[in-house]
PDB file of N, CA and C in Angstrom:
ATOM      1  N   UNK A   1      84.769 106.310 102.566  1.00  0.00           N
ATOM      2  CA  UNK A   1      85.120 104.952 102.913  1.00  0.00           C
ATOM      3  C   UNK A   1      85.616 104.236 101.663  1.00  0.00           C
ATOM      4  N   UNK A   2      86.644 103.443 101.779  1.00  0.00           N
ATOM      5  CA  UNK A   2      87.254 102.750 100.653  1.00  0.00           C
ATOM      6  C   UNK A   2      86.402 101.577 100.193  1.00  0.00           C
ATOM      7  N   UNK A   3      86.394 101.325  98.925  1.00  0.00           N
ATOM      8  CA  UNK A   3      85.704 100.174  98.349  1.00  0.00           C
ATOM      9  C   UNK A   3      86.698  99.433  97.458  1.00  0.00           C
ATOM     10  N   UNK A   4      86.754  98.131  97.586  1.00  0.00           N
ATOM     11  CA  UNK A   4      87.612  97.328  96.729  1.00  0.00           C
ATOM     12  C   UNK A   4      89.091  97.577  96.988  1.00  0.00           C
ATOM     13  N   UNK A   5      89.934  96.991  96.151  1.00  0.00           N
ATOM     14  CA  UNK A   5      91.373  97.157  96.276  1.00  0.00           C
ATOM     15  C   UNK A   5      91.794  98.472  95.656  1.00  0.00           C
ATOM     16  N   UNK A   6      92.214  99.380  96.462  1.00  0.00           N
ATOM     17  CA  UNK A   6      92.628 100.687  95.974  1.00  0.00           C
ATOM     18  C   UNK A   6      93.965 101.051  96.595  1.00  0.00           C
ATOM     19  N   UNK A   7      94.999 100.343  96.171  1.00  0.00           N
ATOM     20  CA  UNK A   7      96.312 100.609  96.741  1.00  0.00           C
ATOM     21  C   UNK A   7      97.084 101.637  95.923  1.00  0.00           C
ATOM     22  N   UNK A   8      96.418 102.285  94.974  1.00  0.00           N
ATOM     23  CA  UNK A   8      97.108 103.281  94.158  1.00  0.00           C
ATOM     24  C   UNK A   8      97.552 104.478  94.991  1.00  0.00           C
ATOM     25  N   UNK A   9      96.976 104.644  96.179  1.00  0.00           N
ATOM     26  CA  UNK A   9      97.406 105.761  97.019  1.00  0.00           C
ATOM     27  C   UNK A   9      98.654 105.407  97.816  1.00  0.00           C
ATOM     28  N   UNK A  10      99.195 104.200  97.613  1.00  0.00           N
ATOM     29  CA  UNK A  10     100.417 103.776  98.284  1.00  0.00           C
ATOM     30  C   UNK A  10     101.493 103.433  97.259  1.00  0.00           C
ATOM     31  N   UNK A  11     101.883 104.385  96.413  1.00  0.00           N
ATOM     32  CA  UNK A  11     102.869 104.044  95.378  1.00  0.00           C
ATOM     33  C   UNK A  11     104.263 103.860  95.958  1.00  0.00           C
ATOM     34  N   UNK A  12     105.012 103.002  95.330  1.00  0.00           N
ATOM     35  CA  UNK A  12     106.424 102.819  95.637  1.00  0.00           C
ATOM     36  C   UNK A  12     107.163 103.078  94.328  1.00  0.00           C
ATOM     37  N   UNK A  13     108.402 103.467  94.409  1.00  0.00           N
ATOM     38  CA  UNK A  13     109.148 103.799  93.212  1.00  0.00           C
ATOM     39  C   UNK A  13     110.381 102.917  93.094  1.00  0.00           C
ATOM     40  N   UNK A  14     110.584 102.398  91.925  1.00  0.00           N
ATOM     41  CA  UNK A  14     111.766 101.603  91.625  1.00  0.00           C
ATOM     42  C   UNK A  14     112.348 102.189  90.355  1.00  0.00           C
ATOM     43  N   UNK A  15     113.466 102.835  90.483  1.00  0.00           N
ATOM     44  CA  UNK A  15     114.042 103.505  89.327  1.00  0.00           C
ATOM     45  C   UNK A  15     113.143 104.647  88.907  1.00  0.00           C
ATOM     46  N   UNK A  16     112.794 104.674  87.642  1.00  0.00           N
ATOM     47  CA  UNK A  16     111.917 105.725  87.144  1.00  0.00           C
ATOM     48  C   UNK A  16     110.482 105.248  87.013  1.00  0.00           C
ATOM     49  N   UNK A  17     110.214 103.977  87.345  1.00  0.00           N
ATOM     50  CA  UNK A  17     108.867 103.444  87.222  1.00  0.00           C
ATOM     51  C   UNK A  17     108.168 103.436  88.566  1.00  0.00           C
ATOM     52  N   UNK A  18     106.910 103.774  88.560  1.00  0.00           N
ATOM     53  CA  UNK A  18     106.084 103.693  89.765  1.00  0.00           C
ATOM     54  C   UNK A  18     105.405 102.334  89.776  1.00  0.00           C
ATOM     55  N   UNK A  19     105.561 101.616  90.880  1.00  0.00           N
ATOM     56  CA  UNK A  19     104.869 100.342  91.025  1.00  0.00           C
ATOM     57  C   UNK A  19     104.001 100.415  92.266  1.00  0.00           C
ATOM     58  N   UNK A  20     102.900  99.686  92.253  1.00  0.00           N
ATOM     59  CA  UNK A  20     101.980  99.690  93.382  1.00  0.00           C
ATOM     60  C   UNK A  20     102.286  98.468  94.243  1.00  0.00           C
ATOM     61  N   UNK A  21     102.467  98.720  95.548  1.00  0.00           N
ATOM     62  CA  UNK A  21     102.770  97.647  96.479  1.00  0.00           C
ATOM     63  C   UNK A  21     101.727  97.660  97.586  1.00  0.00           C
ATOM     64  N   UNK A  22     101.161  96.507  97.867  1.00  0.00           N
ATOM     65  CA  UNK A  22     100.234  96.365  98.978  1.00  0.00           C
ATOM     66  C   UNK A  22     100.961  96.808 100.248  1.00  0.00           C
ATOM     67  N   UNK A  23     100.391  97.745 101.010  1.00  0.00           N
ATOM     68  CA  UNK A  23     101.096  98.255 102.189  1.00  0.00           C
ATOM     69  C   UNK A  23     101.332  97.195 103.260  1.00  0.00           C
ATOM     70  N   UNK A  24     100.494  96.172 103.324  1.00  0.00           N
ATOM     71  CA  UNK A  24     100.707  95.100 104.299  1.00  0.00           C
ATOM     72  C   UNK A  24     101.940  94.295 103.896  1.00  0.00           C
ATOM     73  N   UNK A  25     102.065  94.008 102.612  1.00  0.00           N
ATOM     74  CA  UNK A  25     103.238  93.294 102.101  1.00  0.00           C
ATOM     75  C   UNK A  25     104.484  94.145 102.312  1.00  0.00           C
ATOM     76  N   UNK A  26     104.383  95.442 102.018  1.00  0.00           N
ATOM     77  CA  UNK A  26     105.530  96.332 102.193  1.00  0.00           C
ATOM     78  C   UNK A  26     105.977  96.374 103.654  1.00  0.00           C
ATOM     79  N   UNK A  27     105.022  96.423 104.580  1.00  0.00           N
ATOM     80  CA  UNK A  27     105.364  96.429 106.002  1.00  0.00           C
ATOM     81  C   UNK A  27     106.029  95.123 106.399  1.00  0.00           C
ATOM     82  N   UNK A  28     105.468  93.999 105.982  1.00  0.00           N
ATOM     83  CA  UNK A  28     106.082  92.705 106.284  1.00  0.00           C
ATOM     84  C   UNK A  28     107.492  92.607 105.707  1.00  0.00           C
ATOM     85  N   UNK A  29     107.680  93.074 104.490  1.00  0.00           N
ATOM     86  CA  UNK A  29     109.001  93.051 103.869  1.00  0.00           C
ATOM     87  C   UNK A  29     109.988  93.927 104.641  1.00  0.00           C
ATOM     88  N   UNK A  30     109.532  95.099 105.063  1.00  0.00           N
ATOM     89  CA  UNK A  30     110.397  95.995 105.829  1.00  0.00           C
ATOM     90  C   UNK A  30     110.813  95.335 107.150  1.00  0.00           C
ATOM     91  N   UNK A  31     109.846  94.773 107.857  1.00  0.00           N
ATOM     92  CA  UNK A  31     110.162  94.135 109.142  1.00  0.00           C
ATOM     93  C   UNK A  31     111.126  92.967 108.954  1.00  0.00           C
ATOM     94  N   UNK A  32     110.942  92.217 107.879  1.00  0.00           N
ATOM     95  CA  UNK A  32     111.863  91.122 107.621  1.00  0.00           C
ATOM     96  C   UNK A  32     113.257  91.649 107.300  1.00  0.00           C
ATOM     97  N   UNK A  33     113.330  92.759 106.576  1.00  0.00           N
ATOM     98  CA  UNK A  33     114.634  93.309 106.196  1.00  0.00           C
ATOM     99  C   UNK A  33     115.432  93.813 107.392  1.00  0.00           C
ATOM    100  N   UNK A  34     114.745  94.170 108.473  1.00  0.00           N
ATOM    101  CA  UNK A  34     115.454  94.631 109.672  1.00  0.00           C
ATOM    102  C   UNK A  34     115.529  93.532 110.740  1.00  0.00           C
ATOM    103  N   UNK A  35     115.185  92.306 110.348  1.00  0.00           N
ATOM    104  CA  UNK A  35     115.316  91.170 111.247  1.00  0.00           C
ATOM    105  C   UNK A  35     114.265  91.083 112.335  1.00  0.00           C
ATOM    106  N   UNK A  36     113.089  91.673 112.102  1.00  0.00           N
ATOM    107  CA  UNK A  36     112.019  91.674 113.093  1.00  0.00           C
ATOM    108  C   UNK A  36     110.704  91.141 112.524  1.00  0.00           C
ATOM    109  N   UNK A  37     110.712  89.988 111.870  1.00  0.00           N
ATOM    110  CA  UNK A  37     109.481  89.523 111.205  1.00  0.00           C
ATOM    111  C   UNK A  37     108.349  89.151 112.156  1.00  0.00           C
ATOM    112  N   UNK A  38     108.649  88.904 113.418  1.00  0.00           N
ATOM    113  CA  UNK A  38     107.590  88.500 114.362  1.00  0.00           C
ATOM    114  C   UNK A  38     107.084  89.662 115.213  1.00  0.00           C
ATOM    115  N   UNK A  39     107.538  90.869 114.936  1.00  0.00           N
ATOM    116  CA  UNK A  39     107.159  92.027 115.754  1.00  0.00           C
ATOM    117  C   UNK A  39     105.733  92.501 115.518  1.00  0.00           C
ATOM    118  N   UNK A  40     105.146  92.141 114.392  1.00  0.00           N
ATOM    119  CA  UNK A  40     103.850  92.674 113.959  1.00  0.00           C
ATOM    120  C   UNK A  40     102.666  91.939 114.582  1.00  0.00           C
ATOM    121  N   UNK A  41     101.687  92.708 115.047  1.00  0.00           N
ATOM    122  CA  UNK A  41     100.413  92.131 115.481  1.00  0.00           C
ATOM    123  C   UNK A  41      99.293  93.097 115.107  1.00  0.00           C
ATOM    124  N   UNK A  42      98.074  92.580 115.082  1.00  0.00           N
ATOM    125  CA  UNK A  42      96.899  93.351 114.678  1.00  0.00           C
ATOM    126  C   UNK A  42      95.818  93.258 115.735  1.00  0.00           C
ATOM    127  N   UNK A  43      95.049  94.322 115.862  1.00  0.00           N
ATOM    128  CA  UNK A  43      93.832  94.314 116.664  1.00  0.00           C
ATOM    129  C   UNK A  43      92.717  94.772 115.720  1.00  0.00           C
ATOM    130  N   UNK A  44      91.824  93.858 115.382  1.00  0.00           N
ATOM    131  CA  UNK A  44      90.752  94.142 114.430  1.00  0.00           C
ATOM    132  C   UNK A  44      89.399  94.091 115.130  1.00  0.00           C
ATOM    133  N   UNK A  45      88.500  94.973 114.701  1.00  0.00           N
ATOM    134  CA  UNK A  45      87.129  94.934 115.209  1.00  0.00           C
ATOM    135  C   UNK A  45      86.187  95.305 114.074  1.00  0.00           C
ATOM    136  N   UNK A  46      84.954  94.834 114.198  1.00  0.00           N
ATOM    137  CA  UNK A  46      83.945  95.091 113.169  1.00  0.00           C
ATOM    138  C   UNK A  46      82.716  95.683 113.840  1.00  0.00           C
ATOM    139  N   UNK A  47      82.165  96.727 113.234  1.00  0.00           N
ATOM    140  CA  UNK A  47      80.936  97.337 113.739  1.00  0.00           C
ATOM    141  C   UNK A  47      79.995  97.550 112.561  1.00  0.00           C
ATOM    142  N   UNK A  48      78.825  98.068 112.839  1.00  0.00           N
ATOM    143  CA  UNK A  48      77.854  98.308 111.786  1.00  0.00           C
ATOM    144  C   UNK A  48      76.992  97.089 111.528  1.00  0.00           C
ATOM    145  N   UNK A  49      76.144  97.207 110.557  1.00  0.00           N
ATOM    146  CA  UNK A  49      75.216  96.122 110.235  1.00  0.00           C
ATOM    147  C   UNK A  49      75.917  95.055 109.392  1.00  0.00           C
ATOM    148  N   UNK A  50      75.370  93.852 109.361  1.00  0.00           N
ATOM    149  CA  UNK A  50      75.986  92.773 108.586  1.00  0.00           C
ATOM    150  C   UNK A  50      76.118  93.080 107.093  1.00  0.00           C
ATOM    151  N   UNK A  51      75.202  93.845 106.531  1.00  0.00           N
ATOM    152  CA  UNK A  51      75.273  94.157 105.102  1.00  0.00           C
ATOM    153  C   UNK A  51      76.127  95.389 104.806  1.00  0.00           C
ATOM    154  N   UNK A  52      76.544  96.090 105.850  1.00  0.00           N
ATOM    155  CA  UNK A  52      77.388  97.267 105.658  1.00  0.00           C
ATOM    156  C   UNK A  52      78.364  97.407 106.835  1.00  0.00           C
ATOM    157  N   UNK A  53      79.293  96.450 106.969  1.00  0.00           N
ATOM    158  CA  UNK A  53      80.203  96.493 108.115  1.00  0.00           C
ATOM    159  C   UNK A  53      81.265  97.579 107.974  1.00  0.00           C
ATOM    160  N   UNK A  54      81.793  97.983 109.097  1.00  0.00           N
ATOM    161  CA  UNK A  54      82.933  98.897 109.143  1.00  0.00           C
ATOM    162  C   UNK A  54      84.009  98.217 109.978  1.00  0.00           C
ATOM    163  N   UNK A  55      85.143  97.958 109.347  1.00  0.00           N
ATOM    164  CA  UNK A  55      86.272  97.336 110.033  1.00  0.00           C
ATOM    165  C   UNK A  55      87.215  98.408 110.548  1.00  0.00           C
ATOM    166  N   UNK A  56      87.745  98.179 111.720  1.00  0.00           N
ATOM    167  CA  UNK A  56      88.783  99.030 112.295  1.00  0.00           C
ATOM    168  C   UNK A  56      89.966  98.136 112.628  1.00  0.00           C
ATOM    169  N   UNK A  57      91.152  98.576 112.279  1.00  0.00           N
ATOM    170  CA  UNK A  57      92.367  97.805 112.545  1.00  0.00           C
ATOM    171  C   UNK A  57      93.410  98.696 113.182  1.00  0.00           C
ATOM    172  N   UNK A  58      94.103  98.126 114.145  1.00  0.00           N
ATOM    173  CA  UNK A  58      95.238  98.788 114.785  1.00  0.00           C
ATOM    174  C   UNK A  58      96.454  97.920 114.504  1.00  0.00           C
ATOM    175  N   UNK A  59      97.499  98.531 114.001  1.00  0.00           N
ATOM    176  CA  UNK A  59      98.743  97.843 113.712  1.00  0.00           C
ATOM    177  C   UNK A  59      99.701  98.089 114.871  1.00  0.00           C
ATOM    178  N   UNK A  60     100.239  97.004 115.420  1.00  0.00           N
ATOM    179  CA  UNK A  60     101.145  97.112 116.564  1.00  0.00           C
ATOM    180  C   UNK A  60     102.494  96.481 116.230  1.00  0.00           C
ATOM    181  N   UNK A  61     103.524  97.114 116.728  1.00  0.00           N
ATOM    182  CA  UNK A  61     104.869  96.575 116.630  1.00  0.00           C
ATOM    183  C   UNK A  61     105.349  96.383 118.058  1.00  0.00           C
ATOM    184  N   UNK A  62     105.605  95.138 118.414  1.00  0.00           N
ATOM    185  CA  UNK A  62     105.958  94.775 119.793  1.00  0.00           C
ATOM    186  C   UNK A  62     104.970  95.383 120.790  1.00  0.00           C
ATOM    187  N   UNK A  63     103.689  95.340 120.459  1.00  0.00           N
ATOM    188  CA  UNK A  63     102.637  95.790 121.352  1.00  0.00           C
ATOM    189  C   UNK A  63     102.372  97.289 121.343  1.00  0.00           C
ATOM    190  N   UNK A  64     103.209  98.057 120.674  1.00  0.00           N
ATOM    191  CA  UNK A  64     103.019  99.519 120.592  1.00  0.00           C
ATOM    192  C   UNK A  64     102.187  99.853 119.355  1.00  0.00           C
ATOM    193  N   UNK A  65     101.129 100.641 119.549  1.00  0.00           N
ATOM    194  CA  UNK A  65     100.272 101.034 118.432  1.00  0.00           C
ATOM    195  C   UNK A  65     100.970 102.064 117.555  1.00  0.00           C
ATOM    196  N   UNK A  66     101.008 101.769 116.258  1.00  0.00           N
ATOM    197  CA  UNK A  66     101.640 102.675 115.303  1.00  0.00           C
ATOM    198  C   UNK A  66     100.660 103.256 114.300  1.00  0.00           C
ATOM    199  N   UNK A  67      99.694 102.480 113.853  1.00  0.00           N
ATOM    200  CA  UNK A  67      98.779 102.954 112.821  1.00  0.00           C
ATOM    201  C   UNK A  67      97.387 102.411 113.035  1.00  0.00           C
ATOM    202  N   UNK A  68      96.405 103.165 112.556  1.00  0.00           N
ATOM    203  CA  UNK A  68      95.012 102.735 112.628  1.00  0.00           C
ATOM    204  C   UNK A  68      94.373 102.943 111.256  1.00  0.00           C
ATOM    205  N   UNK A  69      93.375 102.132 110.972  1.00  0.00           N
ATOM    206  CA  UNK A  69      92.671 102.271 109.709  1.00  0.00           C
ATOM    207  C   UNK A  69      91.251 101.761 109.822  1.00  0.00           C
ATOM    208  N   UNK A  70      90.395 102.239 108.937  1.00  0.00           N
ATOM    209  CA  UNK A  70      89.016 101.772 108.868  1.00  0.00           C
ATOM    210  C   UNK A  70      88.661 101.534 107.408  1.00  0.00           C
ATOM    211  N   UNK A  71      87.692 100.653 107.194  1.00  0.00           N
ATOM    212  CA  UNK A  71      87.253 100.380 105.833  1.00  0.00           C
ATOM    213  C   UNK A  71      86.102  99.405 105.819  1.00  0.00           C
ATOM    214  N   UNK A  72      85.497  99.264 104.666  1.00  0.00           N
ATOM    215  CA  UNK A  72      84.367  98.352 104.500  1.00  0.00           C
ATOM    216  C   UNK A  72      84.818  96.897 104.508  1.00  0.00           C
ATOM    217  N   UNK A  73      86.104  96.673 104.311  1.00  0.00           N
ATOM    218  CA  UNK A  73      86.671  95.328 104.343  1.00  0.00           C
ATOM    219  C   UNK A  73      87.908  95.344 105.228  1.00  0.00           C
ATOM    220  N   UNK A  74      88.169  94.207 105.865  1.00  0.00           N
ATOM    221  CA  UNK A  74      89.284  94.150 106.816  1.00  0.00           C
ATOM    222  C   UNK A  74      90.621  94.472 106.151  1.00  0.00           C
ATOM    223  N   UNK A  75      90.847  93.978 104.940  1.00  0.00           N
ATOM    224  CA  UNK A  75      92.141  94.239 104.308  1.00  0.00           C
ATOM    225  C   UNK A  75      92.324  95.725 103.970  1.00  0.00           C
ATOM    226  N   UNK A  76      91.254  96.439 103.757  1.00  0.00           N
ATOM    227  CA  UNK A  76      91.362  97.884 103.520  1.00  0.00           C
ATOM    228  C   UNK A  76      91.776  98.589 104.809  1.00  0.00           C
ATOM    229  N   UNK A  77      91.126  98.230 105.924  1.00  0.00           N
ATOM    230  CA  UNK A  77      91.475  98.822 107.214  1.00  0.00           C
ATOM    231  C   UNK A  77      92.921  98.500 107.579  1.00  0.00           C
ATOM    232  N   UNK A  78      93.323  97.245 107.376  1.00  0.00           N
ATOM    233  CA  UNK A  78      94.701  96.860 107.685  1.00  0.00           C
ATOM    234  C   UNK A  78      95.693  97.559 106.758  1.00  0.00           C
ATOM    235  N   UNK A  79      95.324  97.745 105.508  1.00  0.00           N
ATOM    236  CA  UNK A  79      96.206  98.438 104.570  1.00  0.00           C
ATOM    237  C   UNK A  79      96.478  99.860 104.999  1.00  0.00           C
ATOM    238  N   UNK A  80      95.435 100.568 105.424  1.00  0.00           N
ATOM    239  CA  UNK A  80      95.620 101.941 105.912  1.00  0.00           C
ATOM    240  C   UNK A  80      96.511 101.963 107.146  1.00  0.00           C
ATOM    241  N   UNK A  81      96.265 101.041 108.078  1.00  0.00           N
ATOM    242  CA  UNK A  81      97.062 100.979 109.300  1.00  0.00           C
ATOM    243  C   UNK A  81      98.512 100.606 108.990  1.00  0.00           C
ATOM    244  N   UNK A  82      98.708  99.680 108.060  1.00  0.00           N
ATOM    245  CA  UNK A  82     100.061  99.263 107.684  1.00  0.00           C
ATOM    246  C   UNK A  82     100.838 100.400 107.036  1.00  0.00           C
ATOM    247  N   UNK A  83     100.181 101.182 106.179  1.00  0.00           N
ATOM    248  CA  UNK A  83     100.849 102.307 105.524  1.00  0.00           C
ATOM    249  C   UNK A  83     101.301 103.339 106.550  1.00  0.00           C
ATOM    250  N   UNK A  84     100.447 103.636 107.533  1.00  0.00           N
ATOM    251  CA  UNK A  84     100.824 104.582 108.584  1.00  0.00           C
ATOM    252  C   UNK A  84     101.990 104.045 109.408  1.00  0.00           C
ATOM    253  N   UNK A  85     101.933 102.762 109.713  1.00  0.00           N
ATOM    254  CA  UNK A  85     102.980 102.138 110.523  1.00  0.00           C
ATOM    255  C   UNK A  85     104.312 102.148 109.798  1.00  0.00           C
ATOM    256  N   UNK A  86     104.299 101.783 108.537  1.00  0.00           N
ATOM    257  CA  UNK A  86     105.535 101.764 107.755  1.00  0.00           C
ATOM    258  C   UNK A  86     106.157 103.152 107.674  1.00  0.00           C
ATOM    259  N   UNK A  87     105.324 104.150 107.457  1.00  0.00           N
ATOM    260  CA  UNK A  87     105.834 105.527 107.407  1.00  0.00           C
ATOM    261  C   UNK A  87     106.453 105.927 108.745  1.00  0.00           C
ATOM    262  N   UNK A  88     105.783 105.591 109.842  1.00  0.00           N
ATOM    263  CA  UNK A  88     106.303 105.927 111.172  1.00  0.00           C
ATOM    264  C   UNK A  88     107.617 105.209 111.454  1.00  0.00           C
ATOM    265  N   UNK A  89     107.702 103.930 111.098  1.00  0.00           N
ATOM    266  CA  UNK A  89     108.930 103.183 111.338  1.00  0.00           C
ATOM    267  C   UNK A  89     110.093 103.736 110.527  1.00  0.00           C
ATOM    268  N   UNK A  90     109.811 104.082 109.281  1.00  0.00           N
ATOM    269  CA  UNK A  90     110.885 104.657 108.440  1.00  0.00           C
ATOM    270  C   UNK A  90     111.333 106.008 108.965  1.00  0.00           C
ATOM    271  N   UNK A  91     110.389 106.807 109.462  1.00  0.00           N
ATOM    272  CA  UNK A  91     110.753 108.104 110.038  1.00  0.00           C
ATOM    273  C   UNK A  91     111.594 107.921 111.293  1.00  0.00           C
ATOM    274  N   UNK A  92     111.237 106.944 112.135  1.00  0.00           N
ATOM    275  CA  UNK A  92     112.022 106.662 113.335  1.00  0.00           C
ATOM    276  C   UNK A  92     113.444 106.215 112.979  1.00  0.00           C
ATOM    277  N   UNK A  93     113.563 105.465 111.893  1.00  0.00           N
ATOM    278  CA  UNK A  93     114.865 104.958 111.474  1.00  0.00           C
ATOM    279  C   UNK A  93     115.661 106.015 110.713  1.00  0.00           C
ATOM    280  N   UNK A  94     115.039 107.165 110.463  1.00  0.00           N
ATOM    281  CA  UNK A  94     115.717 108.228 109.745  1.00  0.00           C
ATOM    282  C   UNK A  94     115.697 108.059 108.237  1.00  0.00           C
ATOM    283  N   UNK A  95     114.858 107.134 107.763  1.00  0.00           N
ATOM    284  CA  UNK A  95     114.811 106.868 106.329  1.00  0.00           C
ATOM    285  C   UNK A  95     113.633 107.500 105.635  1.00  0.00           C
ATOM    286  N   UNK A  96     112.824 108.303 106.357  1.00  0.00           N
ATOM    287  CA  UNK A  96     111.693 109.041 105.797  1.00  0.00           C
ATOM    288  C   UNK A  96     110.956 108.313 104.819  1.00  0.00           C
TER     289      UNK A  96
END
């Protein structure tokens, strides 16, 4: 289970330098670049005890589920779901 901000597993490359981009920001930027900024929605749920919650997030584009994620914090779960969604959208667009 993820703890804290650990977006190093979602590297982006600009030129020869590797930069780290929050996958939620990257997904929002991608959707805006294709003229679909309002397509994104989330379904979040929390389980477990109050001192040790587990968040689950589903990322939807126009109501279709694309990615899911879990984590000790909501932004971690959403980050995992956003990364999966962005990858799927790029693959659908042929941009891998």
